Amino acid sequence: MKIVFASRCQQGLRDENQDRTGAGLDERKACFVVCDGVAGLPGGERAAQLVRDTLMSQLQAYDDFTPERTHQAIEHCRVVLHEEQGKNPKYSRMSTTLAALFIDREKQRAWWAHAGDSRVYHFRRGVLHEVTRDHSLAQQLKEAGYENTGINSNLLYNALGAEPPRLVSFSQEIALEDGDAFLVCTDGFWLNLSSGEMEQALRMVNACEEWLALMEQAVSRTVKKDNLSALAVWIGEPEEATLLYSLADSARFLPPRF
């Protein structure tokens, strides 16, 4: 199975970048991870790096690769993070979001997990097929039918390392199709792009790197208050399943004309 991926990590107006990304790929399995240290408490970047490194090393060590194994690996990340919190009172509340895409290349199946407001997007035939639901107050209000305008999207009720501990959300396992595309990203990335704009960018390019670069260019035209990180993953040949939209629809991604 052909898998192509591209990555971006860019610092915004914050003093430090608490985002961490990781990608692991061999002949049997693939894993793509984004972690974003929760701001406002010391140690967010340490938590993000610890979870990313622990998850990648755990999955590399497993002979089998199943949703159950990935669940065990993430729970192990939680244990390791808790132990690290106890070593230094300054970092006793450090925590991180998580978004992770897992691919069994032999069985041609995929699933994903997330905690917090980092997201996994799945596109099929050029349109959004599925996206994770944030573990945030804003998302809870939206799903309950209440107005959430003005609610800070960074108010999270779930993150690795946070109290009380909550289960990480897992998707159903899916059969992959040629042309599937995935985006694994932090809130600094998706807050500045609608899903429709992500679809549009996908329909305009011939390579995974171009897709991510085009979206990054559009995001960069806004004020980058937050750090932004993203991993784009293509299965097979997505460019064969998409069509270019009209020039007017593509305006967001085209350089301004003078």
Protein backbone atom coordinates (compact mmCIF):
# COMPACT_ATOMS: atom_id res chain seq x y z
CA MET A 1 0.00 0.00 0.00
CA LYS A 2 1.40 3.35 -1.05
CA ILE A 3 1.45 5.89 1.79
CA VAL A 4 2.84 9.39 1.37
CA PHE A 5 2.95 11.95 4.17
CA ALA A 6 4.08 15.52 4.78
CA SER A 7 4.50 17.47 8.00
CA ARG A 8 4.51 21.07 9.18
CA CYS A 9 5.31 22.65 12.55
CA GLN A 10 5.26 26.44 12.81
CA GLN A 11 5.53 28.77 15.80
CA GLY A 12 2.99 31.53 16.32
CA LEU A 13 3.05 34.39 18.79
CA ARG A 14 3.71 32.24 21.84
CA ASP A 15 7.15 32.34 23.45
CA GLU A 16 7.67 28.63 22.85
CA ASN A 17 6.26 25.93 20.63
CA GLN A 18 4.57 23.21 22.69
CA ASP A 19 3.55 21.16 19.64
CA ARG A 20 5.23 17.83 18.90
CA THR A 21 4.67 15.66 15.83
CA GLY A 22 5.83 12.17 14.96
CA ALA A 23 5.58 9.71 12.10
CA GLY A 24 6.58 6.06 11.98
CA LEU A 25 6.31 3.93 8.86
CA ASP A 26 7.46 0.42 7.99
CA GLU A 27 6.26 -2.40 5.76
CA ARG A 28 3.57 -3.52 8.23
CA LYS A 29 2.31 -0.47 10.08
CA ALA A 30 2.22 3.30 10.17
CA CYS A 31 1.54 5.80 12.92
CA PHE A 32 1.14 9.59 12.71
CA VAL A 33 0.97 11.58 15.95
CA VAL A 34 0.37 15.21 16.92
CA CYS A 35 0.55 16.43 20.53
CA ASP A 36 -0.07 19.97 21.78
CA GLY A 37 0.98 20.83 25.31
CA VAL A 38 -1.91 22.45 27.19
CA ALA A 39 -1.14 26.13 27.70
CA GLY A 40 -1.42 27.98 30.99
CA LEU A 41 0.44 25.41 33.06
CA PRO A 42 4.20 24.74 33.16
CA GLY A 43 5.55 21.74 31.30
CA GLY A 44 3.17 21.50 28.35
CA GLU A 45 6.01 20.97 25.90
CA ARG A 46 7.52 18.27 28.18
CA ALA A 47 4.17 16.47 28.33
CA ALA A 48 3.74 16.62 24.54
CA GLN A 49 7.22 15.28 23.87
CA LEU A 50 6.95 12.54 26.48
CA VAL A 51 3.63 11.26 25.15
CA ARG A 52 4.78 11.38 21.53
CA ASP A 53 8.07 9.58 22.22
CA THR A 54 6.50 6.97 24.50
CA LEU A 55 3.69 6.17 22.07
CA MET A 56 6.03 5.81 19.09
CA SER A 57 8.47 3.57 20.97
CA GLN A 58 5.67 1.40 22.37
CA LEU A 59 4.14 0.79 18.96
CA GLN A 60 7.54 0.04 17.44
CA ALA A 61 8.11 -2.64 20.06
CA TYR A 62 4.81 -4.48 19.44
CA ASP A 63 4.82 -7.45 17.07
CA ASP A 64 1.07 -7.23 16.52
CA PHE A 65 -0.73 -4.03 15.55
CA THR A 66 -4.38 -3.73 16.53
CA PRO A 67 -6.73 -1.09 17.99
CA GLU A 68 -6.40 -2.90 21.32
CA ARG A 69 -2.61 -2.60 21.20
CA THR A 70 -2.77 1.11 20.42
CA HIS A 71 -5.19 1.58 23.31
CA GLN A 72 -2.72 -0.15 25.62
CA ALA A 73 0.11 2.02 24.30
CA ILE A 74 -1.80 5.24 24.97
CA GLU A 75 -2.72 4.11 28.47
CA HIS A 76 0.97 3.40 29.05
CA CYS A 77 1.67 6.99 27.96
CA ARG A 78 -0.74 8.16 30.65
CA VAL A 79 1.12 6.12 33.30
CA VAL A 80 4.53 7.41 32.20
CA LEU A 81 3.25 10.98 32.19
CA HIS A 82 1.77 10.57 35.68
CA GLU A 83 5.11 9.26 36.96
CA GLU A 84 6.90 12.23 35.43
CA GLN A 85 4.42 14.64 37.05
CA GLY A 86 5.34 13.22 40.45
CA LYS A 87 9.05 13.86 40.01
CA ASN A 88 8.80 17.66 39.94
CA PRO A 89 6.06 19.69 41.69
CA LYS A 90 6.48 22.42 39.08
CA TYR A 91 5.20 20.04 36.41
CA SER A 92 2.61 18.21 38.51
CA ARG A 93 -0.25 19.42 36.28
CA MET A 94 1.40 19.32 32.87
CA SER A 95 -0.80 17.81 30.17
CA THR A 96 -1.14 17.47 26.42
CA THR A 97 -3.68 16.87 23.71
CA LEU A 98 -3.26 13.91 21.39
CA ALA A 99 -4.35 13.05 17.87
CA ALA A 100 -3.03 9.83 16.36
CA LEU A 101 -3.72 7.96 13.12
CA PHE A 102 -2.89 4.26 12.93
CA ILE A 103 -2.66 2.24 9.71
CA ASP A 104 -2.30 -1.54 9.33
CA ARG A 105 -0.65 -1.73 5.91
CA GLU A 106 -1.03 -5.50 5.56
CA LYS A 107 -4.78 -5.53 6.24
CA GLN A 108 -5.26 -2.08 4.66
CA ARG A 109 -7.23 -0.80 7.61
CA ALA A 110 -7.02 2.35 9.71
CA TRP A 111 -8.28 3.81 12.99
CA TRP A 112 -7.47 6.85 15.09
CA ALA A 113 -7.55 8.21 18.63
CA HIS A 114 -7.70 11.65 20.19
CA ALA A 115 -7.85 13.58 23.45
CA GLY A 116 -8.47 17.32 23.66
CA ASP A 117 -8.85 19.58 20.64
CA SER A 118 -6.21 18.23 18.28
CA ARG A 119 -8.03 16.60 15.38
CA VAL A 120 -7.98 13.82 12.81
CA TYR A 121 -9.77 14.51 9.49
CA HIS A 122 -10.58 11.75 7.00
CA PHE A 123 -11.30 12.69 3.38
CA ARG A 124 -12.67 10.26 0.80
CA ARG A 125 -13.07 11.05 -2.91
CA GLY A 126 -12.12 14.64 -2.20
CA VAL A 127 -14.73 15.38 0.48
CA LEU A 128 -14.71 15.25 4.26
CA HIS A 129 -15.83 11.82 5.42
CA GLU A 130 -15.23 12.02 9.17
CA VAL A 131 -13.62 14.25 11.80
CA THR A 132 -12.98 13.84 15.51
CA ARG A 133 -15.12 15.77 18.00
CA ASP A 134 -13.20 18.02 20.37
CA HIS A 135 -13.15 17.36 24.09
CA SER A 136 -13.93 21.00 24.81
CA LEU A 137 -16.63 23.11 26.45
CA ALA A 138 -17.38 24.79 23.13
CA GLN A 139 -18.03 21.40 21.49
CA GLN A 140 -20.20 20.25 24.39
CA LEU A 141 -22.39 23.37 24.11
CA LYS A 142 -22.67 22.95 20.35
CA GLU A 143 -23.75 19.31 20.63
CA ALA A 144 -26.29 20.25 23.33
CA GLY A 145 -27.81 22.85 21.02
CA TYR A 146 -26.60 25.90 22.94
CA GLU A 147 -24.93 29.00 21.56
CA ASN A 148 -21.16 28.77 21.94
CA THR A 149 -20.11 32.04 20.30
CA GLY A 150 -17.38 33.66 22.35
CA ILE A 151 -16.57 30.49 24.29
CA ASN A 152 -12.82 29.87 24.37
CA SER A 153 -12.21 26.71 22.33
CA ASN A 154 -9.16 25.98 24.51
CA LEU A 155 -11.31 25.13 27.54
CA LEU A 156 -10.77 21.37 27.52
CA TYR A 157 -12.28 18.65 29.68
CA ASN A 158 -9.93 15.91 28.48
CA ALA A 159 -6.18 15.78 27.90
CA LEU A 160 -3.47 13.29 28.80
CA GLY A 161 -2.16 14.22 32.24
CA ALA A 162 -5.21 16.26 33.24
CA GLU A 163 -7.35 15.51 36.29
CA PRO A 164 -9.65 13.74 36.51
CA PRO A 165 -8.31 11.23 33.96
CA ARG A 166 -10.74 10.41 31.13
CA LEU A 167 -10.70 7.82 28.39
CA VAL A 168 -9.16 8.71 25.06
CA SER A 169 -11.70 8.56 22.21
CA PHE A 170 -11.15 5.89 19.55
CA SER A 171 -12.73 5.66 16.11
CA GLN A 172 -14.09 2.52 14.53
CA GLU A 173 -11.64 0.55 12.42
CA ILE A 174 -12.20 1.27 8.72
CA ALA A 175 -11.19 -0.37 5.44
CA LEU A 176 -8.96 1.97 3.46
CA GLU A 177 -9.72 2.95 -0.13
CA ASP A 178 -7.37 4.19 -2.78
CA GLY A 179 -7.44 7.97 -2.67
CA ASP A 180 -8.17 8.33 1.05
CA ALA A 181 -6.51 11.36 2.64
CA PHE A 182 -6.00 12.25 6.30
CA LEU A 183 -5.07 15.41 8.17
CA VAL A 184 -3.79 15.16 11.76
CA CYS A 185 -3.42 18.63 13.26
CA THR A 186 -3.47 20.95 16.28
CA ASP A 187 -6.12 23.60 16.90
CA GLY A 188 -3.74 26.30 15.71
CA PHE A 189 -4.11 24.79 12.25
CA TRP A 190 -7.80 23.87 11.99
CA LEU A 191 -9.10 27.03 13.70
CA ASN A 192 -7.97 29.01 10.65
CA LEU A 193 -9.39 26.70 7.95
CA SER A 194 -12.90 25.38 7.38
CA SER A 195 -13.39 21.78 6.30
CA GLY A 196 -14.67 23.11 2.98
CA GLU A 197 -11.39 24.95 2.45
CA MET A 198 -9.45 21.78 3.26
CA GLU A 199 -11.50 19.95 0.62
CA GLN A 200 -10.90 22.72 -1.88
CA ALA A 201 -7.15 22.63 -1.33
CA LEU A 202 -7.18 18.85 -1.80
CA ARG A 203 -8.85 19.29 -5.19
CA MET A 204 -6.20 21.70 -6.40
CA VAL A 205 -3.01 19.68 -5.98
CA ASN A 206 -1.15 16.67 -7.31
CA ALA A 207 0.94 15.79 -4.28
CA CYS A 208 0.53 15.42 -0.51
CA GLU A 209 3.25 18.00 0.17
CA GLU A 210 1.45 20.49 -2.07
CA TRP A 211 -1.83 19.97 -0.20
CA LEU A 212 -0.29 20.74 3.16
CA ALA A 213 1.74 23.66 1.80
CA LEU A 214 -1.35 25.21 0.21
CA MET A 215 -3.30 25.01 3.47
CA GLU A 216 -0.35 26.33 5.45
CA GLN A 217 -0.10 29.28 3.07
CA ALA A 218 -3.76 30.14 3.64
CA VAL A 219 -3.37 29.86 7.41
CA SER A 220 -0.26 32.05 7.33
CA ARG A 221 -2.26 34.92 5.86
CA THR A 222 -4.05 35.21 9.21
CA VAL A 223 -2.52 36.32 12.50
CA LYS A 224 -0.84 33.24 13.98
CA LYS A 225 -1.63 33.64 17.67
CA ASP A 226 -1.10 29.92 18.31
CA ASN A 227 1.46 27.43 17.13
CA LEU A 228 0.27 25.25 14.29
CA SER A 229 1.28 21.71 13.43
CA ALA A 230 -0.11 19.22 10.95
CA LEU A 231 0.59 15.89 9.29
CA ALA A 232 -1.01 15.13 5.93
CA VAL A 233 -1.29 11.49 4.83
CA TRP A 234 -2.27 10.20 1.39
CA ILE A 235 -3.27 6.64 0.62
CA GLY A 236 -2.68 5.69 -3.01
CA GLU A 237 -3.51 8.45 -5.48
CA PRO A 238 -6.00 11.01 -4.06
CA GLU A 239 -5.31 13.35 -6.97
CA GLU A 240 -6.98 10.83 -9.27
CA ALA A 241 -10.26 11.12 -7.33
CA THR A 242 -10.52 14.91 -7.14
CA LEU A 243 -11.45 17.72 -9.51
CA LEU A 244 -10.38 21.35 -9.63
CA TYR A 245 -13.08 23.76 -8.53
CA SER A 246 -13.71 27.09 -10.20
CA LEU A 247 -11.30 29.99 -9.91
CA ALA A 248 -13.71 31.84 -7.65
CA ASP A 249 -13.95 28.91 -5.26
CA SER A 250 -10.15 28.70 -5.15
CA ALA A 251 -9.60 32.36 -4.24
CA ARG A 252 -8.64 31.66 -0.62
CA PHE A 253 -5.55 29.74 -1.78
CA LEU A 254 -4.42 31.94 -4.63
CA PRO A 255 -2.02 34.87 -4.12
CA PRO A 256 -3.71 38.26 -4.14
CA ARG A 257 -3.72 40.13 -7.43
CA PHE A 258 -2.62 43.74 -7.55
